[in-house]
Amino acid sequence: MVDRRRIWRAEDYLEAIYALVRKGEKPGIRKLARILGIKPSSVIEYLRKLDEQGYLVYKQGGIITLTEKGEELAKKIYERHKIIKEFLIKIGVPPEIAEEDACFIEHGLHDVTIEKLLRLMKEIEK
């Protein structure tokens, strides 16, 4: 059986790294620890696992680079998060709650459901 929490954790890390890079920031251990709400030592440990799995390259000194595989997954999760958050805000959920809920929901929805949400949002905008 697949441990979904472990998959979600990997997605959270990759999404956080991707978001930092999109903002022009270097993803560092302390920044990731703050974003993810965990200890820097835990970040280092998990980055090593993601490196072994081919999602990123982690080098001593805190140099973190997403691989093509990691960036592809990170971008997918980032976009899912954005779509879900925008949808929740459009239906009246306060932005801070929409952010929190999007973090939770983004891992469990099927790609088909995300596509349907996106289509519905486009129809609403018309």
Foldseek 3Di string as FASTA:
>chain_A
DDDLVVVLVLLLQLLQCLVCVVVVHFDFLVSSCVVVVHDSVVSVVVLVVCVVVQQWDADPVGHIGGDPNNNVSNVLLNVQLVLQLVLCVVVPDPNVVSNVVSSVVSSPDDPVVSVVSVVVVVVVVD
